[in-house]
Amino acid sequence: MSVNSLEWNDYRIVLAIQRTGGLAPAARALGVNHATVFRQVNAMEARLGARLFDRHRSGYGLTAVGEVALAAAEAMEVQALAAERRMAGGDLNLTGTIRVTAPDDMVQRLLLPMFADFRARYPKIELEVIVDNRFLNLSRREADIALRPTLAAPEAMTGINIGPLNMTLYATPPLATLVAGGQDIASLPWIGWEDGAETIRFGGFYRSRGLRPVFAYRSNSLLAQVSAAEAGMGVAVLPCFAGDTSPLLQRLEPIDAGFATNLWILTHPDLRRAARIKAFIDFMSAALRKKRRLLAGG
C-alpha cells in the first residue's frame, strides 16, 4: 500500500471531502456529481487496499491512511497554487478574468459604479465579483483581489491602504426625532448582526456607550441591515458610506474615531505584477481615494 498509488485528482477529492465533510458537498465544490465522487473514492481505496474515510451518519471522517493522504494533498496544493499564482503573476496581457471579493454593502452602495467604469476602460477584462462578508483565502485563489475593512493587511498579503473607514448610528427621521426630543436611545428598537456573527468592533461600539440593545431585527448581511434601517425597523450601526448616502437615514451621533478601521485593496504578492491585477488595483485605488471623505464620514 502506498499513497503514491494516488494521482493529483485523487488528492483533490480527499481535500474536498475533508473540507466539506461529505460526498455531496465535495461534489458541488468540485463541480461534478455525487456518483462520480463516490466511484472515485471506492477506486482509490481499492488501489490502496485500505480505507481513506470512515463513513458516519454525520459525514466522512479520515482514517489513519486518510490522514497521510491529506497531508500529501495539502503539500501538493500549496505547490500547485504557488505555481499557478506565479504563472498568473507573469501575465502581461490586459485580458482574462479577475476574481474580486468584497462585502455586500460595499459592493451595492459603493463599488458598482467603479466596476462599471473599470469595464468601460478595460473591456477585455472580465470581473467575477464574489459578494461575501467572510475573508476569503487569497493564497488558495478563492479570489484574486479583496476589498476589505481591516486595520492592517493580513500576513502574506500585500495591498494599498485607502484610508479610514468610519461608522456611526443611523435611523429614519421619526426615530431620530425621538432621540432629539430626549428619549433614551437604548429604549429604541435596534438592528444588528445575527447571534455569533457580530465582530469585536461592533460589540465594542455598544459597550463603549454602555448599551445593551434590544434587537428588533438581526441579519448576517450588512446590506440587509441598511435596508432594515431604511424601513424604519430600528437604530443601526452602519458605515458612513452607506448611511450618509441614504436619503432615508439620519445620523444620531458624531463619528467616534476610536472605532475606525481602514479600507484595503489586497492581493497575493505573487499576483501583483500581473497586468490585469495591477490595472485593477491602480484604477480602484484612484477611484476610492476620491471617496476618502465619504469613507471617513467627513
C-alpha atoms as a PDB file:
ATOM      1  CA  MET A   1       0.000   0.000   0.000  1.00  0.00           C
ATOM      2  CA  SER A   2       1.300   3.463  -0.905  1.00  0.00           C
ATOM      3  CA  VAL A   3      -0.228   6.886  -1.289  1.00  0.00           C
ATOM      4  CA  ASN A   4       1.937   7.063  -4.414  1.00  0.00           C
ATOM      5  CA  SER A   5      -0.873   4.995  -5.989  1.00  0.00           C
ATOM      6  CA  LEU A   6      -2.917   8.204  -5.995  1.00  0.00           C
ATOM      7  CA  GLU A   7      -2.893  10.960  -8.611  1.00  0.00           C
ATOM      8  CA  TRP A   8      -3.388  14.700  -8.168  1.00  0.00           C
ATOM      9  CA  ASN A   9      -7.091  14.470  -8.999  1.00  0.00           C
ATOM     10  CA  ASP A  10      -7.464  11.833  -6.261  1.00  0.00           C
ATOM     11  CA  TYR A  11      -5.797  14.142  -3.771  1.00  0.00           C
ATOM     12  CA  ARG A  12      -8.153  16.954  -4.762  1.00  0.00           C
ATOM     13  CA  ILE A  13     -11.077  14.692  -3.832  1.00  0.00           C
ATOM     14  CA  VAL A  14      -9.517  13.899  -0.454  1.00  0.00           C
ATOM     15  CA  LEU A  15      -9.124  17.630   0.193  1.00  0.00           C
ATOM     16  CA  ALA A  16     -12.678  18.439  -0.881  1.00  0.00           C
ATOM     17  CA  ILE A  17     -14.268  15.723   1.279  1.00  0.00           C
ATOM     18  CA  GLN A  18     -12.187  16.691   4.294  1.00  0.00           C
ATOM     19  CA  ARG A  19     -13.054  20.390   3.911  1.00  0.00           C
ATOM     20  CA  THR A  20     -16.756  19.939   3.223  1.00  0.00           C
ATOM     21  CA  GLY A  21     -17.454  16.851   5.364  1.00  0.00           C
ATOM     22  CA  GLY A  22     -19.248  14.681   2.822  1.00  0.00           C
ATOM     23  CA  LEU A  23     -19.560  13.413  -0.738  1.00  0.00           C
ATOM     24  CA  ALA A  24     -22.397  15.675  -1.859  1.00  0.00           C
ATOM     25  CA  PRO A  25     -20.835  18.990  -0.747  1.00  0.00           C
ATOM     26  CA  ALA A  26     -17.449  17.820  -2.062  1.00  0.00           C
ATOM     27  CA  ALA A  27     -19.042  17.067  -5.432  1.00  0.00           C
ATOM     28  CA  ARG A  28     -20.562  20.562  -5.530  1.00  0.00           C
ATOM     29  CA  ALA A  29     -17.211  22.129  -4.663  1.00  0.00           C
ATOM     30  CA  LEU A  30     -15.505  20.159  -7.438  1.00  0.00           C
ATOM     31  CA  GLY A  31     -18.238  20.789  -9.992  1.00  0.00           C
ATOM     32  CA  VAL A  32     -19.057  17.101 -10.521  1.00  0.00           C
ATOM     33  CA  ASN A  33     -21.929  14.849  -9.465  1.00  0.00           C
ATOM     34  CA  HIS A  34     -22.223  12.805  -6.283  1.00  0.00           C
ATOM     35  CA  ALA A  35     -21.913   9.452  -8.087  1.00  0.00           C
ATOM     36  CA  THR A  36     -18.598  10.472  -9.659  1.00  0.00           C
ATOM     37  CA  VAL A  37     -17.028  11.260  -6.292  1.00  0.00           C
ATOM     38  CA  PHE A  38     -18.443   8.039  -4.801  1.00  0.00           C
ATOM     39  CA  ARG A  39     -16.901   5.947  -7.594  1.00  0.00           C
ATOM     40  CA  GLN A  40     -13.554   7.700  -7.347  1.00  0.00           C
ATOM     41  CA  VAL A  41     -13.339   7.210  -3.582  1.00  0.00           C
ATOM     42  CA  ASN A  42     -14.078   3.499  -3.988  1.00  0.00           C
ATOM     43  CA  ALA A  43     -11.476   3.240  -6.780  1.00  0.00           C
ATOM     44  CA  MET A  44      -8.826   4.994  -4.650  1.00  0.00           C
ATOM     45  CA  GLU A  45      -9.456   2.717  -1.702  1.00  0.00           C
ATOM     46  CA  ALA A  46      -9.333  -0.346  -3.966  1.00  0.00           C
ATOM     47  CA  ARG A  47      -5.942   0.702  -5.359  1.00  0.00           C
ATOM     48  CA  LEU A  48      -4.595   1.375  -1.867  1.00  0.00           C
ATOM     49  CA  GLY A  49      -6.100  -1.726  -0.300  1.00  0.00           C
ATOM     50  CA  ALA A  50      -7.208   0.412   2.661  1.00  0.00           C
ATOM     51  CA  ARG A  51      -9.943   2.834   3.632  1.00  0.00           C
ATOM     52  CA  LEU A  52      -9.325   6.558   3.380  1.00  0.00           C
ATOM     53  CA  PHE A  53     -12.556   7.505   5.140  1.00  0.00           C
ATOM     54  CA  ASP A  54     -14.768   6.162   7.889  1.00  0.00           C
ATOM     55  CA  ARG A  55     -18.414   6.569   6.950  1.00  0.00           C
ATOM     56  CA  HIS A  56     -20.558   8.103   9.685  1.00  0.00           C
ATOM     57  CA  ARG A  57     -24.142   9.272   9.705  1.00  0.00           C
ATOM     58  CA  SER A  58     -22.806  12.792  10.264  1.00  0.00           C
ATOM     59  CA  GLY A  59     -20.356  12.609   7.345  1.00  0.00           C
ATOM     60  CA  TYR A  60     -16.979  11.258   6.288  1.00  0.00           C
ATOM     61  CA  GLY A  61     -14.035  11.129   8.706  1.00  0.00           C
ATOM     62  CA  LEU A  62     -10.410  10.420   7.782  1.00  0.00           C
ATOM     63  CA  THR A  63      -8.781   7.144   8.756  1.00  0.00           C
ATOM     64  CA  ALA A  64      -5.078   6.969   9.640  1.00  0.00           C
ATOM     65  CA  VAL A  65      -4.340   6.254   5.972  1.00  0.00           C
ATOM     66  CA  GLY A  66      -6.581   9.159   5.020  1.00  0.00           C
ATOM     67  CA  GLU A  67      -4.597  11.476   7.296  1.00  0.00           C
ATOM     68  CA  VAL A  68      -1.406  10.543   5.413  1.00  0.00           C
ATOM     69  CA  ALA A  69      -3.147  11.209   2.092  1.00  0.00           C
ATOM     70  CA  LEU A  70      -4.472  14.543   3.383  1.00  0.00           C
ATOM     71  CA  ALA A  71      -1.005  15.724   4.444  1.00  0.00           C
ATOM     72  CA  ALA A  72       0.351  14.853   0.996  1.00  0.00           C
ATOM     73  CA  ALA A  73      -2.637  16.552  -0.666  1.00  0.00           C
ATOM     74  CA  GLU A  74      -2.148  19.769   1.294  1.00  0.00           C
ATOM     75  CA  ALA A  75       1.560  19.874   0.430  1.00  0.00           C
ATOM     76  CA  MET A  76       0.760  19.325  -3.263  1.00  0.00           C
ATOM     77  CA  GLU A  77      -1.926  22.001  -3.175  1.00  0.00           C
ATOM     78  CA  VAL A  78       0.475  24.561  -1.720  1.00  0.00           C
ATOM     79  CA  GLN A  79       2.963  23.886  -4.524  1.00  0.00           C
ATOM     80  CA  ALA A  80       0.307  23.837  -7.238  1.00  0.00           C
ATOM     81  CA  LEU A  81      -1.278  27.099  -6.073  1.00  0.00           C
ATOM     82  CA  ALA A  82       2.110  28.797  -5.756  1.00  0.00           C
ATOM     83  CA  ALA A  83       2.967  27.777  -9.331  1.00  0.00           C
ATOM     84  CA  GLU A  84      -0.438  28.924 -10.523  1.00  0.00           C
ATOM     85  CA  ARG A  85      -0.037  32.311  -8.830  1.00  0.00           C
ATOM     86  CA  ARG A  86       3.467  32.791 -10.229  1.00  0.00           C
ATOM     87  CA  MET A  87       2.271  31.958 -13.752  1.00  0.00           C
ATOM     88  CA  ALA A  88      -0.700  34.305 -13.368  1.00  0.00           C
ATOM     89  CA  GLY A  89       1.620  36.976 -11.974  1.00  0.00           C
ATOM     90  CA  GLY A  90       3.719  36.841 -15.124  1.00  0.00           C
ATOM     91  CA  ASP A  91       0.760  37.536 -17.409  1.00  0.00           C
ATOM     92  CA  LEU A  92       1.425  40.840 -19.189  1.00  0.00           C
ATOM     93  CA  ASN A  93      -1.856  40.929 -21.107  1.00  0.00           C
ATOM     94  CA  LEU A  94      -4.797  43.144 -20.183  1.00  0.00           C
ATOM     95  CA  THR A  95      -7.206  40.269 -20.752  1.00  0.00           C
ATOM     96  CA  GLY A  96      -8.694  37.451 -18.709  1.00  0.00           C
ATOM     97  CA  THR A  97     -10.738  37.211 -15.524  1.00  0.00           C
ATOM     98  CA  ILE A  98     -10.247  38.905 -12.157  1.00  0.00           C
ATOM     99  CA  ARG A  99     -11.989  37.347  -9.153  1.00  0.00           C
ATOM    100  CA  VAL A 100     -12.812  40.182  -6.736  1.00  0.00           C
ATOM    101  CA  THR A 101     -14.368  39.740  -3.309  1.00  0.00           C
ATOM    102  CA  ALA A 102     -15.988  42.429  -1.155  1.00  0.00           C
ATOM    103  CA  PRO A 103     -18.772  42.705   1.452  1.00  0.00           C
ATOM    104  CA  ASP A 104     -22.333  43.049   0.189  1.00  0.00           C
ATOM    105  CA  ASP A 105     -22.955  46.593   1.435  1.00  0.00           C
ATOM    106  CA  MET A 106     -19.719  47.814  -0.109  1.00  0.00           C
ATOM    107  CA  VAL A 107     -20.481  46.273  -3.499  1.00  0.00           C
ATOM    108  CA  GLN A 108     -24.019  47.622  -3.631  1.00  0.00           C
ATOM    109  CA  ARG A 109     -23.522  51.060  -2.065  1.00  0.00           C
ATOM    110  CA  LEU A 110     -20.012  51.999  -3.197  1.00  0.00           C
ATOM    111  CA  LEU A 111     -18.226  49.819  -5.737  1.00  0.00           C
ATOM    112  CA  LEU A 112     -20.637  49.005  -8.578  1.00  0.00           C
ATOM    113  CA  PRO A 113     -20.209  52.324 -10.468  1.00  0.00           C
ATOM    114  CA  MET A 114     -16.415  51.924 -10.178  1.00  0.00           C
ATOM    115  CA  PHE A 115     -16.628  48.384 -11.535  1.00  0.00           C
ATOM    116  CA  ALA A 116     -18.657  49.695 -14.476  1.00  0.00           C
ATOM    117  CA  ASP A 117     -16.069  52.401 -15.183  1.00  0.00           C
ATOM    118  CA  PHE A 118     -13.253  49.845 -14.990  1.00  0.00           C
ATOM    119  CA  ARG A 119     -15.002  47.590 -17.516  1.00  0.00           C
ATOM    120  CA  ALA A 120     -15.515  50.545 -19.848  1.00  0.00           C
ATOM    121  CA  ARG A 121     -11.774  51.230 -19.778  1.00  0.00           C
ATOM    122  CA  TYR A 122     -10.687  47.571 -19.952  1.00  0.00           C
ATOM    123  CA  PRO A 123     -13.397  45.747 -21.924  1.00  0.00           C
ATOM    124  CA  LYS A 124     -11.271  42.599 -22.368  1.00  0.00           C
ATOM    125  CA  ILE A 125     -11.011  42.025 -18.611  1.00  0.00           C
ATOM    126  CA  GLU A 126     -13.920  40.134 -17.065  1.00  0.00           C
ATOM    127  CA  LEU A 127     -14.847  40.862 -13.451  1.00  0.00           C
ATOM    128  CA  GLU A 128     -16.103  37.963 -11.373  1.00  0.00           C
ATOM    129  CA  VAL A 129     -17.369  39.519  -8.132  1.00  0.00           C
ATOM    130  CA  ILE A 130     -17.739  37.263  -5.094  1.00  0.00           C
ATOM    131  CA  VAL A 131     -20.040  39.053  -2.666  1.00  0.00           C
ATOM    132  CA  ASP A 132     -19.074  37.653   0.709  1.00  0.00           C
ATOM    133  CA  ASN A 133     -18.708  39.085   4.195  1.00  0.00           C
ATOM    134  CA  ARG A 134     -16.069  36.477   5.080  1.00  0.00           C
ATOM    135  CA  PHE A 135     -12.358  36.897   4.440  1.00  0.00           C
ATOM    136  CA  LEU A 136     -11.699  34.546   1.522  1.00  0.00           C
ATOM    137  CA  ASN A 137      -8.327  32.829   1.227  1.00  0.00           C
ATOM    138  CA  LEU A 138      -6.286  34.601  -1.454  1.00  0.00           C
ATOM    139  CA  SER A 139      -3.460  32.072  -1.133  1.00  0.00           C
ATOM    140  CA  ARG A 140      -5.864  29.362  -2.281  1.00  0.00           C
ATOM    141  CA  ARG A 141      -7.074  31.543  -5.160  1.00  0.00           C
ATOM    142  CA  GLU A 142     -10.578  31.752  -3.701  1.00  0.00           C
ATOM    143  CA  ALA A 143     -10.242  35.287  -5.048  1.00  0.00           C
ATOM    144  CA  ASP A 144      -7.509  37.345  -6.722  1.00  0.00           C
ATOM    145  CA  ILE A 145      -8.285  40.655  -5.020  1.00  0.00           C
ATOM    146  CA  ALA A 146     -10.147  41.533  -1.829  1.00  0.00           C
ATOM    147  CA  LEU A 147     -11.597  44.908  -0.867  1.00  0.00           C
ATOM    148  CA  ARG A 148     -11.896  44.686   2.887  1.00  0.00           C
ATOM    149  CA  PRO A 149     -12.247  46.750   6.070  1.00  0.00           C
ATOM    150  CA  THR A 150      -9.269  45.834   8.256  1.00  0.00           C
ATOM    151  CA  LEU A 151      -6.785  47.769  10.368  1.00  0.00           C
ATOM    152  CA  ALA A 152      -3.765  46.202   8.644  1.00  0.00           C
ATOM    153  CA  ALA A 153      -3.040  43.924   5.703  1.00  0.00           C
ATOM    154  CA  PRO A 154      -3.194  40.257   6.783  1.00  0.00           C
ATOM    155  CA  GLU A 155       0.077  38.349   6.888  1.00  0.00           C
ATOM    156  CA  ALA A 156       1.309  37.136   3.486  1.00  0.00           C
ATOM    157  CA  MET A 157      -0.913  39.644   1.662  1.00  0.00           C
ATOM    158  CA  THR A 158       0.074  42.890   0.008  1.00  0.00           C
ATOM    159  CA  GLY A 159      -2.080  45.866  -0.826  1.00  0.00           C
ATOM    160  CA  ILE A 160      -2.995  49.523  -0.633  1.00  0.00           C
ATOM    161  CA  ASN A 161      -4.496  51.244   2.391  1.00  0.00           C
ATOM    162  CA  ILE A 162      -7.129  53.640   1.036  1.00  0.00           C
ATOM    163  CA  GLY A 163      -7.682  55.313   4.405  1.00  0.00           C
ATOM    164  CA  PRO A 164     -10.057  55.388   7.397  1.00  0.00           C
ATOM    165  CA  LEU A 165     -13.449  53.697   7.218  1.00  0.00           C
ATOM    166  CA  ASN A 166     -15.788  55.043   9.896  1.00  0.00           C
ATOM    167  CA  MET A 167     -19.207  54.099  11.213  1.00  0.00           C
ATOM    168  CA  THR A 168     -21.838  55.580  13.492  1.00  0.00           C
ATOM    169  CA  LEU A 169     -25.519  55.269  14.437  1.00  0.00           C
ATOM    170  CA  TYR A 170     -28.287  55.839  11.873  1.00  0.00           C
ATOM    171  CA  ALA A 171     -32.070  55.748  11.871  1.00  0.00           C
ATOM    172  CA  THR A 172     -35.027  57.171   9.970  1.00  0.00           C
ATOM    173  CA  PRO A 173     -36.218  60.741  10.765  1.00  0.00           C
ATOM    174  CA  PRO A 174     -39.100  59.640  13.056  1.00  0.00           C
ATOM    175  CA  LEU A 175     -36.688  57.706  15.297  1.00  0.00           C
ATOM    176  CA  ALA A 176     -34.103  60.491  15.076  1.00  0.00           C
ATOM    177  CA  THR A 177     -36.778  62.944  16.245  1.00  0.00           C
ATOM    178  CA  LEU A 178     -37.438  60.817  19.335  1.00  0.00           C
ATOM    179  CA  VAL A 179     -33.722  60.865  20.213  1.00  0.00           C
ATOM    180  CA  ALA A 180     -33.529  64.628  19.635  1.00  0.00           C
ATOM    181  CA  GLY A 181     -36.532  65.018  21.927  1.00  0.00           C
ATOM    182  CA  GLY A 182     -34.713  63.320  24.765  1.00  0.00           C
ATOM    183  CA  GLN A 183     -35.810  59.692  24.507  1.00  0.00           C
ATOM    184  CA  ASP A 184     -33.124  57.269  25.670  1.00  0.00           C
ATOM    185  CA  ILE A 185     -31.580  55.726  22.575  1.00  0.00           C
ATOM    186  CA  ALA A 186     -31.255  52.406  24.406  1.00  0.00           C
ATOM    187  CA  SER A 187     -35.058  52.183  24.642  1.00  0.00           C
ATOM    188  CA  LEU A 188     -35.460  52.191  20.854  1.00  0.00           C
ATOM    189  CA  PRO A 189     -35.567  49.024  18.727  1.00  0.00           C
ATOM    190  CA  TRP A 190     -32.190  48.039  17.258  1.00  0.00           C
ATOM    191  CA  ILE A 191     -30.855  46.350  14.143  1.00  0.00           C
ATOM    192  CA  GLY A 192     -27.744  44.205  14.323  1.00  0.00           C
ATOM    193  CA  TRP A 193     -25.822  41.107  13.359  1.00  0.00           C
ATOM    194  CA  GLU A 194     -27.222  37.635  13.820  1.00  0.00           C
ATOM    195  CA  ASP A 195     -26.104  35.980  17.030  1.00  0.00           C
ATOM    196  CA  GLY A 196     -22.463  34.916  16.707  1.00  0.00           C
ATOM    197  CA  ALA A 197     -21.764  36.968  13.573  1.00  0.00           C
ATOM    198  CA  GLU A 198     -21.108  40.282  15.286  1.00  0.00           C
ATOM    199  CA  THR A 199     -17.497  41.428  15.052  1.00  0.00           C
ATOM    200  CA  ILE A 200     -15.408  42.630  18.001  1.00  0.00           C
ATOM    201  CA  ARG A 201     -15.553  46.126  16.542  1.00  0.00           C
ATOM    202  CA  PHE A 202     -19.359  46.278  16.624  1.00  0.00           C
ATOM    203  CA  GLY A 203     -19.518  44.763  20.105  1.00  0.00           C
ATOM    204  CA  GLY A 204     -17.031  47.355  21.308  1.00  0.00           C
ATOM    205  CA  PHE A 205     -19.169  50.111  19.804  1.00  0.00           C
ATOM    206  CA  TYR A 206     -22.103  49.090  22.015  1.00  0.00           C
ATOM    207  CA  ARG A 207     -20.036  48.535  25.159  1.00  0.00           C
ATOM    208  CA  SER A 208     -18.319  51.934  24.892  1.00  0.00           C
ATOM    209  CA  ARG A 209     -21.721  53.549  25.287  1.00  0.00           C
ATOM    210  CA  GLY A 210     -22.971  51.200  27.971  1.00  0.00           C
ATOM    211  CA  LEU A 211     -25.639  49.927  25.580  1.00  0.00           C
ATOM    212  CA  ARG A 212     -27.370  46.587  25.728  1.00  0.00           C
ATOM    213  CA  PRO A 213     -29.542  46.858  22.643  1.00  0.00           C
ATOM    214  CA  VAL A 214     -32.842  45.040  22.336  1.00  0.00           C
ATOM    215  CA  PHE A 215     -32.801  43.850  18.729  1.00  0.00           C
ATOM    216  CA  ALA A 216     -35.891  44.017  16.562  1.00  0.00           C
ATOM    217  CA  TYR A 217     -34.010  42.660  13.552  1.00  0.00           C
ATOM    218  CA  ARG A 218     -30.788  40.695  13.078  1.00  0.00           C
ATOM    219  CA  SER A 219     -29.028  39.663   9.894  1.00  0.00           C
ATOM    220  CA  ASN A 220     -25.714  38.225   8.710  1.00  0.00           C
ATOM    221  CA  SER A 221     -25.765  40.833   5.928  1.00  0.00           C
ATOM    222  CA  LEU A 222     -24.827  44.467   6.497  1.00  0.00           C
ATOM    223  CA  LEU A 223     -26.683  45.382   3.305  1.00  0.00           C
ATOM    224  CA  ALA A 224     -29.837  43.837   4.791  1.00  0.00           C
ATOM    225  CA  GLN A 225     -29.256  45.867   7.964  1.00  0.00           C
ATOM    226  CA  VAL A 226     -29.051  49.054   5.889  1.00  0.00           C
ATOM    227  CA  SER A 227     -32.360  48.171   4.213  1.00  0.00           C
ATOM    228  CA  ALA A 228     -33.984  47.385   7.570  1.00  0.00           C
ATOM    229  CA  ALA A 229     -32.855  50.737   8.966  1.00  0.00           C
ATOM    230  CA  GLU A 230     -34.281  52.483   5.888  1.00  0.00           C
ATOM    231  CA  ALA A 231     -37.579  50.666   6.506  1.00  0.00           C
ATOM    232  CA  GLY A 232     -37.711  52.234   9.993  1.00  0.00           C
ATOM    233  CA  MET A 233     -37.207  48.982  11.897  1.00  0.00           C
ATOM    234  CA  GLY A 234     -34.684  50.441  14.312  1.00  0.00           C
ATOM    235  CA  VAL A 235     -31.307  52.028  15.031  1.00  0.00           C
ATOM    236  CA  ALA A 236     -28.295  50.542  13.241  1.00  0.00           C
ATOM    237  CA  VAL A 237     -24.513  50.883  13.411  1.00  0.00           C
ATOM    238  CA  LEU A 238     -23.602  51.466   9.762  1.00  0.00           C
ATOM    239  CA  PRO A 239     -20.550  52.501   7.775  1.00  0.00           C
ATOM    240  CA  CYS A 240     -20.761  56.163   6.845  1.00  0.00           C
ATOM    241  CA  PHE A 241     -20.536  55.497   3.111  1.00  0.00           C
ATOM    242  CA  ALA A 242     -23.865  53.622   3.378  1.00  0.00           C
ATOM    243  CA  GLY A 243     -25.630  55.757   5.965  1.00  0.00           C
ATOM    244  CA  ASP A 244     -24.653  59.175   4.640  1.00  0.00           C
ATOM    245  CA  THR A 245     -25.661  58.359   1.052  1.00  0.00           C
ATOM    246  CA  SER A 246     -29.114  57.124   2.038  1.00  0.00           C
ATOM    247  CA  PRO A 247     -31.868  59.754   1.647  1.00  0.00           C
ATOM    248  CA  LEU A 248     -33.910  57.827   4.226  1.00  0.00           C
ATOM    249  CA  LEU A 249     -31.456  57.880   7.136  1.00  0.00           C
ATOM    250  CA  GLN A 250     -30.013  60.408   9.574  1.00  0.00           C
ATOM    251  CA  ARG A 251     -27.003  60.275  11.869  1.00  0.00           C
ATOM    252  CA  LEU A 252     -27.850  60.024  15.536  1.00  0.00           C
ATOM    253  CA  GLU A 253     -24.439  60.960  16.924  1.00  0.00           C
ATOM    254  CA  PRO A 254     -20.988  62.142  15.782  1.00  0.00           C
ATOM    255  CA  ILE A 255     -18.235  59.886  14.483  1.00  0.00           C
ATOM    256  CA  ASP A 256     -16.255  58.029  17.111  1.00  0.00           C
ATOM    257  CA  ALA A 257     -12.782  57.712  15.586  1.00  0.00           C
ATOM    258  CA  GLY A 258     -11.859  55.147  18.230  1.00  0.00           C
ATOM    259  CA  PHE A 259     -13.797  52.566  16.230  1.00  0.00           C
ATOM    260  CA  ALA A 260     -12.411  53.442  12.818  1.00  0.00           C
ATOM    261  CA  THR A 261     -10.859  50.784  10.650  1.00  0.00           C
ATOM    262  CA  ASN A 262      -9.209  51.092   7.215  1.00  0.00           C
ATOM    263  CA  LEU A 263     -10.278  50.116   3.733  1.00  0.00           C
ATOM    264  CA  TRP A 264      -7.688  47.941   1.983  1.00  0.00           C
ATOM    265  CA  ILE A 265      -7.291  46.594  -1.532  1.00  0.00           C
ATOM    266  CA  LEU A 266      -5.473  43.288  -1.045  1.00  0.00           C
ATOM    267  CA  THR A 267      -3.883  40.677  -3.276  1.00  0.00           C
ATOM    268  CA  HIS A 268      -1.281  37.935  -3.035  1.00  0.00           C
ATOM    269  CA  PRO A 269       2.309  39.090  -3.692  1.00  0.00           C
ATOM    270  CA  ASP A 270       2.638  36.502  -6.485  1.00  0.00           C
ATOM    271  CA  LEU A 271      -0.183  38.193  -8.429  1.00  0.00           C
ATOM    272  CA  ARG A 272       0.618  41.871  -8.040  1.00  0.00           C
ATOM    273  CA  ARG A 273       2.681  42.115 -11.248  1.00  0.00           C
ATOM    274  CA  ALA A 274       0.037  40.546 -13.494  1.00  0.00           C
ATOM    275  CA  ALA A 275      -1.082  43.280 -15.874  1.00  0.00           C
ATOM    276  CA  ARG A 276      -4.805  42.900 -15.249  1.00  0.00           C
ATOM    277  CA  ILE A 277      -4.348  42.767 -11.455  1.00  0.00           C
ATOM    278  CA  LYS A 278      -2.136  45.859 -11.445  1.00  0.00           C
ATOM    279  CA  ALA A 279      -4.569  47.696 -13.731  1.00  0.00           C
ATOM    280  CA  PHE A 280      -7.485  46.910 -11.422  1.00  0.00           C
ATOM    281  CA  ILE A 281      -5.662  47.889  -8.220  1.00  0.00           C
ATOM    282  CA  ASP A 282      -4.382  51.143  -9.742  1.00  0.00           C
ATOM    283  CA  PHE A 283      -7.822  52.030 -11.099  1.00  0.00           C
ATOM    284  CA  MET A 284      -9.745  51.179  -7.925  1.00  0.00           C
ATOM    285  CA  SER A 285      -7.277  52.852  -5.578  1.00  0.00           C
ATOM    286  CA  ALA A 286      -7.567  56.096  -7.570  1.00  0.00           C
ATOM    287  CA  ALA A 287     -11.380  55.877  -7.624  1.00  0.00           C
ATOM    288  CA  LEU A 288     -11.659  55.071  -3.920  1.00  0.00           C
ATOM    289  CA  ARG A 289      -9.263  57.817  -2.876  1.00  0.00           C
ATOM    290  CA  LYS A 290     -11.726  60.284  -4.383  1.00  0.00           C
ATOM    291  CA  LYS A 291     -14.240  58.919  -1.857  1.00  0.00           C
ATOM    292  CA  ARG A 292     -11.999  59.148   1.201  1.00  0.00           C
ATOM    293  CA  ARG A 293     -14.059  61.930   2.778  1.00  0.00           C
ATOM    294  CA  LEU A 294     -17.220  59.844   2.415  1.00  0.00           C
ATOM    295  CA  LEU A 295     -15.490  56.721   3.755  1.00  0.00           C
ATOM    296  CA  ALA A 296     -14.224  58.639   6.791  1.00  0.00           C
ATOM    297  CA  GLY A 297     -17.624  60.201   7.425  1.00  0.00           C
ATOM    298  CA  GLY A 298     -16.366  63.717   6.811  1.00  0.00           C
END
